[in-house]
């Protein structure tokens, strides 16, 4: 069994009228059939660090296909483990918050995602159903998007 500590989730958010909205992506039927036994669910941008890649560089690389700029990046002070059956490995997933432009609209690859939504905290929390995603969003809210000013020591760019 392999252990992969290089996986990351990006809770991307924008501010509309000062309130954060979080990006969630709905897996396409094709992706679900390919990787998840047909199960479709809501997820966030994620991926794996390249060798010697910084967190801001990884965020920029992972968001580039969506056409989303990473204006600011924070450590969300959360990580979780999962068994990923697609790769037959245990993954340690670290969570980061990424602020993008307030008018941002992601480009979707229809082979990967069927739709997206920008949601307030409670709706985003209800939309995702995996504990790691839920707890990651709670941490993003606690440290980055909830306080009047995000914790400066967690800002990576």
C-alpha atoms as a PDB file:
ATOM      1  CA  UNK A   1       0.000   0.000   0.000  1.00  0.00           C
ATOM      2  CA  UNK A   2       1.352   3.423  -0.915  1.00  0.00           C
ATOM      3  CA  UNK A   3       1.052   6.633   1.072  1.00  0.00           C
ATOM      4  CA  UNK A   4       0.823   9.838  -0.967  1.00  0.00           C
ATOM      5  CA  UNK A   5       1.313  13.070   1.034  1.00  0.00           C
ATOM      6  CA  UNK A   6       1.317  15.336  -2.055  1.00  0.00           C
ATOM      7  CA  UNK A   7      -2.436  15.814  -2.614  1.00  0.00           C
ATOM      8  CA  UNK A   8      -4.128  19.186  -2.138  1.00  0.00           C
ATOM      9  CA  UNK A   9      -7.659  20.617  -2.171  1.00  0.00           C
ATOM     10  CA  UNK A  10      -8.339  24.220  -3.116  1.00  0.00           C
ATOM     11  CA  UNK A  11     -11.346  25.933  -1.594  1.00  0.00           C
ATOM     12  CA  UNK A  12     -11.657  28.734  -4.133  1.00  0.00           C
ATOM     13  CA  UNK A  13     -13.727  31.712  -3.101  1.00  0.00           C
ATOM     14  CA  UNK A  14     -14.733  35.118  -4.365  1.00  0.00           C
ATOM     15  CA  UNK A  15     -16.289  37.999  -2.511  1.00  0.00           C
ATOM     16  CA  UNK A  16     -19.607  39.383  -3.711  1.00  0.00           C
ATOM     17  CA  UNK A  17     -20.816  42.416  -1.765  1.00  0.00           C
ATOM     18  CA  UNK A  18     -18.212  41.516   0.852  1.00  0.00           C
ATOM     19  CA  UNK A  19     -19.585  38.014   1.428  1.00  0.00           C
ATOM     20  CA  UNK A  20     -17.574  34.955   0.336  1.00  0.00           C
ATOM     21  CA  UNK A  21     -18.955  32.509  -2.180  1.00  0.00           C
ATOM     22  CA  UNK A  22     -17.230  29.141  -2.544  1.00  0.00           C
ATOM     23  CA  UNK A  23     -16.723  27.233  -5.781  1.00  0.00           C
ATOM     24  CA  UNK A  24     -18.001  23.671  -6.053  1.00  0.00           C
ATOM     25  CA  UNK A  25     -17.796  21.483  -9.154  1.00  0.00           C
ATOM     26  CA  UNK A  26     -20.155  18.643 -10.069  1.00  0.00           C
ATOM     27  CA  UNK A  27     -18.396  15.591 -11.496  1.00  0.00           C
ATOM     28  CA  UNK A  28     -19.561  14.768 -15.021  1.00  0.00           C
ATOM     29  CA  UNK A  29     -21.232  11.457 -15.819  1.00  0.00           C
ATOM     30  CA  UNK A  30     -18.175  10.518 -17.902  1.00  0.00           C
ATOM     31  CA  UNK A  31     -15.766  11.184 -15.019  1.00  0.00           C
ATOM     32  CA  UNK A  32     -18.031   9.344 -12.601  1.00  0.00           C
ATOM     33  CA  UNK A  33     -18.140   6.300 -14.890  1.00  0.00           C
ATOM     34  CA  UNK A  34     -14.363   6.430 -15.440  1.00  0.00           C
ATOM     35  CA  UNK A  35     -13.253   6.814 -11.832  1.00  0.00           C
ATOM     36  CA  UNK A  36     -16.057   6.581  -9.278  1.00  0.00           C
ATOM     37  CA  UNK A  37     -18.175   3.574 -10.214  1.00  0.00           C
ATOM     38  CA  UNK A  38     -20.804   5.923 -11.626  1.00  0.00           C
ATOM     39  CA  UNK A  39     -21.127   8.011  -8.460  1.00  0.00           C
ATOM     40  CA  UNK A  40     -21.475  11.724  -9.121  1.00  0.00           C
ATOM     41  CA  UNK A  41     -20.746  14.248  -6.407  1.00  0.00           C
ATOM     42  CA  UNK A  42     -19.702  17.824  -5.796  1.00  0.00           C
ATOM     43  CA  UNK A  43     -16.004  18.492  -5.340  1.00  0.00           C
ATOM     44  CA  UNK A  44     -13.426  21.280  -5.360  1.00  0.00           C
ATOM     45  CA  UNK A  45     -10.357  21.807  -7.536  1.00  0.00           C
ATOM     46  CA  UNK A  46      -7.667  19.414  -6.386  1.00  0.00           C
ATOM     47  CA  UNK A  47      -4.484  17.793  -7.565  1.00  0.00           C
ATOM     48  CA  UNK A  48      -0.985  16.737  -6.660  1.00  0.00           C
ATOM     49  CA  UNK A  49       2.085  18.862  -6.013  1.00  0.00           C
ATOM     50  CA  UNK A  50       4.803  18.695  -8.669  1.00  0.00           C
ATOM     51  CA  UNK A  51       8.343  18.080  -7.362  1.00  0.00           C
ATOM     52  CA  UNK A  52       9.654  21.111  -5.438  1.00  0.00           C
ATOM     53  CA  UNK A  53       6.495  23.123  -6.250  1.00  0.00           C
ATOM     54  CA  UNK A  54       5.337  25.825  -3.847  1.00  0.00           C
ATOM     55  CA  UNK A  55       1.731  26.026  -2.689  1.00  0.00           C
ATOM     56  CA  UNK A  56       1.022  29.266  -4.650  1.00  0.00           C
ATOM     57  CA  UNK A  57       2.571  27.772  -7.804  1.00  0.00           C
ATOM     58  CA  UNK A  58       0.487  24.595  -7.422  1.00  0.00           C
ATOM     59  CA  UNK A  59      -2.679  26.671  -6.938  1.00  0.00           C
ATOM     60  CA  UNK A  60      -1.941  28.711 -10.059  1.00  0.00           C
ATOM     61  CA  UNK A  61      -1.231  25.556 -12.112  1.00  0.00           C
ATOM     62  CA  UNK A  62      -4.364  23.756 -10.923  1.00  0.00           C
ATOM     63  CA  UNK A  63      -6.627  26.771 -11.496  1.00  0.00           C
ATOM     64  CA  UNK A  64      -5.196  27.730 -14.913  1.00  0.00           C
ATOM     65  CA  UNK A  65      -7.368  25.251 -16.875  1.00  0.00           C
ATOM     66  CA  UNK A  66     -10.433  26.821 -15.217  1.00  0.00           C
ATOM     67  CA  UNK A  67      -9.296  30.312 -16.206  1.00  0.00           C
ATOM     68  CA  UNK A  68      -9.308  31.402 -12.558  1.00  0.00           C
ATOM     69  CA  UNK A  69      -6.577  33.692 -11.225  1.00  0.00           C
ATOM     70  CA  UNK A  70      -5.206  32.986  -7.758  1.00  0.00           C
ATOM     71  CA  UNK A  71      -5.188  36.508  -6.232  1.00  0.00           C
ATOM     72  CA  UNK A  72      -4.266  35.278  -2.748  1.00  0.00           C
ATOM     73  CA  UNK A  73      -3.468  31.880  -1.238  1.00  0.00           C
ATOM     74  CA  UNK A  74      -3.715  30.800   2.411  1.00  0.00           C
ATOM     75  CA  UNK A  75      -2.966  27.649   4.347  1.00  0.00           C
ATOM     76  CA  UNK A  76      -6.287  26.520   5.787  1.00  0.00           C
ATOM     77  CA  UNK A  77      -4.766  24.716   8.772  1.00  0.00           C
ATOM     78  CA  UNK A  78      -6.482  21.478   7.819  1.00  0.00           C
ATOM     79  CA  UNK A  79      -5.486  18.130   6.329  1.00  0.00           C
ATOM     80  CA  UNK A  80      -7.209  14.772   6.142  1.00  0.00           C
ATOM     81  CA  UNK A  81      -6.565  11.242   4.949  1.00  0.00           C
ATOM     82  CA  UNK A  82      -8.526   9.151   2.484  1.00  0.00           C
ATOM     83  CA  UNK A  83      -8.157   5.836   0.710  1.00  0.00           C
ATOM     84  CA  UNK A  84      -8.270   6.637  -2.993  1.00  0.00           C
ATOM     85  CA  UNK A  85      -9.355   3.474  -4.753  1.00  0.00           C
ATOM     86  CA  UNK A  86      -8.587   4.957  -8.165  1.00  0.00           C
ATOM     87  CA  UNK A  87      -4.876   5.073  -7.268  1.00  0.00           C
ATOM     88  CA  UNK A  88      -4.980   2.293  -4.628  1.00  0.00           C
ATOM     89  CA  UNK A  89      -3.256   4.516  -2.105  1.00  0.00           C
ATOM     90  CA  UNK A  90      -3.805   6.340   1.130  1.00  0.00           C
ATOM     91  CA  UNK A  91      -3.632  10.071   0.488  1.00  0.00           C
ATOM     92  CA  UNK A  92      -2.899  12.866   2.901  1.00  0.00           C
ATOM     93  CA  UNK A  93      -4.805  15.868   1.557  1.00  0.00           C
ATOM     94  CA  UNK A  94      -3.830  19.391   2.633  1.00  0.00           C
ATOM     95  CA  UNK A  95      -6.388  22.163   2.262  1.00  0.00           C
ATOM     96  CA  UNK A  96      -5.767  25.695   1.016  1.00  0.00           C
ATOM     97  CA  UNK A  97      -7.989  28.731   0.485  1.00  0.00           C
ATOM     98  CA  UNK A  98      -7.622  30.645  -2.766  1.00  0.00           C
ATOM     99  CA  UNK A  99      -9.257  33.990  -3.448  1.00  0.00           C
ATOM    100  CA  UNK A 100     -10.103  34.740  -7.053  1.00  0.00           C
ATOM    101  CA  UNK A 101     -11.679  37.718  -8.828  1.00  0.00           C
ATOM    102  CA  UNK A 102     -15.207  38.613  -7.749  1.00  0.00           C
ATOM    103  CA  UNK A 103     -16.499  38.260 -11.335  1.00  0.00           C
ATOM    104  CA  UNK A 104     -14.696  34.961 -11.974  1.00  0.00           C
ATOM    105  CA  UNK A 105     -16.492  32.244 -13.913  1.00  0.00           C
ATOM    106  CA  UNK A 106     -14.679  28.930 -14.334  1.00  0.00           C
ATOM    107  CA  UNK A 107     -14.217  27.214 -17.683  1.00  0.00           C
ATOM    108  CA  UNK A 108     -15.263  23.594 -17.334  1.00  0.00           C
ATOM    109  CA  UNK A 109     -13.957  20.571 -19.204  1.00  0.00           C
ATOM    110  CA  UNK A 110     -17.164  18.603 -19.907  1.00  0.00           C
ATOM    111  CA  UNK A 111     -15.255  15.324 -19.508  1.00  0.00           C
ATOM    112  CA  UNK A 112     -14.483  16.314 -15.918  1.00  0.00           C
ATOM    113  CA  UNK A 113     -17.280  18.554 -14.613  1.00  0.00           C
ATOM    114  CA  UNK A 114     -20.873  19.017 -15.719  1.00  0.00           C
ATOM    115  CA  UNK A 115     -21.588  22.204 -13.795  1.00  0.00           C
ATOM    116  CA  UNK A 116     -20.309  24.575 -11.151  1.00  0.00           C
ATOM    117  CA  UNK A 117     -21.848  26.730  -8.458  1.00  0.00           C
ATOM    118  CA  UNK A 118     -20.685  29.671  -6.336  1.00  0.00           C
ATOM    119  CA  UNK A 119     -22.352  29.182  -2.966  1.00  0.00           C
ATOM    120  CA  UNK A 120     -22.439  30.824   0.455  1.00  0.00           C
ATOM    121  CA  UNK A 121     -20.904  28.809   3.280  1.00  0.00           C
ATOM    122  CA  UNK A 122     -24.000  26.916   4.472  1.00  0.00           C
ATOM    123  CA  UNK A 123     -25.024  25.914   0.952  1.00  0.00           C
ATOM    124  CA  UNK A 124     -21.494  24.835   0.009  1.00  0.00           C
ATOM    125  CA  UNK A 125     -21.281  22.815   3.222  1.00  0.00           C
ATOM    126  CA  UNK A 126     -24.574  21.099   2.387  1.00  0.00           C
ATOM    127  CA  UNK A 127     -23.601  20.444  -1.244  1.00  0.00           C
ATOM    128  CA  UNK A 128     -20.423  18.476  -0.523  1.00  0.00           C
ATOM    129  CA  UNK A 129     -20.880  15.270   1.419  1.00  0.00           C
ATOM    130  CA  UNK A 130     -17.378  13.985   2.183  1.00  0.00           C
ATOM    131  CA  UNK A 131     -16.112  14.771   5.670  1.00  0.00           C
ATOM    132  CA  UNK A 132     -12.692  15.977   4.477  1.00  0.00           C
ATOM    133  CA  UNK A 133     -14.315  18.553   2.198  1.00  0.00           C
ATOM    134  CA  UNK A 134     -16.749  19.680   4.883  1.00  0.00           C
ATOM    135  CA  UNK A 135     -14.064  20.042   7.544  1.00  0.00           C
ATOM    136  CA  UNK A 136     -11.744  21.752   5.068  1.00  0.00           C
ATOM    137  CA  UNK A 137     -14.428  24.336   4.305  1.00  0.00           C
ATOM    138  CA  UNK A 138     -15.043  24.893   8.012  1.00  0.00           C
ATOM    139  CA  UNK A 139     -11.335  25.556   8.513  1.00  0.00           C
ATOM    140  CA  UNK A 140     -11.224  27.967   5.545  1.00  0.00           C
ATOM    141  CA  UNK A 141     -14.129  29.846   7.077  1.00  0.00           C
ATOM    142  CA  UNK A 142     -12.598  29.881  10.562  1.00  0.00           C
ATOM    143  CA  UNK A 143      -9.168  31.162   9.536  1.00  0.00           C
ATOM    144  CA  UNK A 144      -9.574  32.947   6.214  1.00  0.00           C
ATOM    145  CA  UNK A 145     -13.045  33.988   5.091  1.00  0.00           C
ATOM    146  CA  UNK A 146     -14.848  34.291   8.435  1.00  0.00           C
ATOM    147  CA  UNK A 147     -12.736  36.780  10.418  1.00  0.00           C
ATOM    148  CA  UNK A 148     -12.711  40.483   9.592  1.00  0.00           C
ATOM    149  CA  UNK A 149      -9.122  39.949   8.405  1.00  0.00           C
ATOM    150  CA  UNK A 150      -7.642  36.597   7.465  1.00  0.00           C
ATOM    151  CA  UNK A 151      -4.809  35.358   9.643  1.00  0.00           C
ATOM    152  CA  UNK A 152      -1.762  37.044   8.082  1.00  0.00           C
ATOM    153  CA  UNK A 153       0.584  34.286   9.189  1.00  0.00           C
ATOM    154  CA  UNK A 154      -1.385  31.813   7.036  1.00  0.00           C
ATOM    155  CA  UNK A 155      -1.158  33.921   3.868  1.00  0.00           C
ATOM    156  CA  UNK A 156       1.240  32.280   1.448  1.00  0.00           C
ATOM    157  CA  UNK A 157       0.783  34.879  -1.288  1.00  0.00           C
END
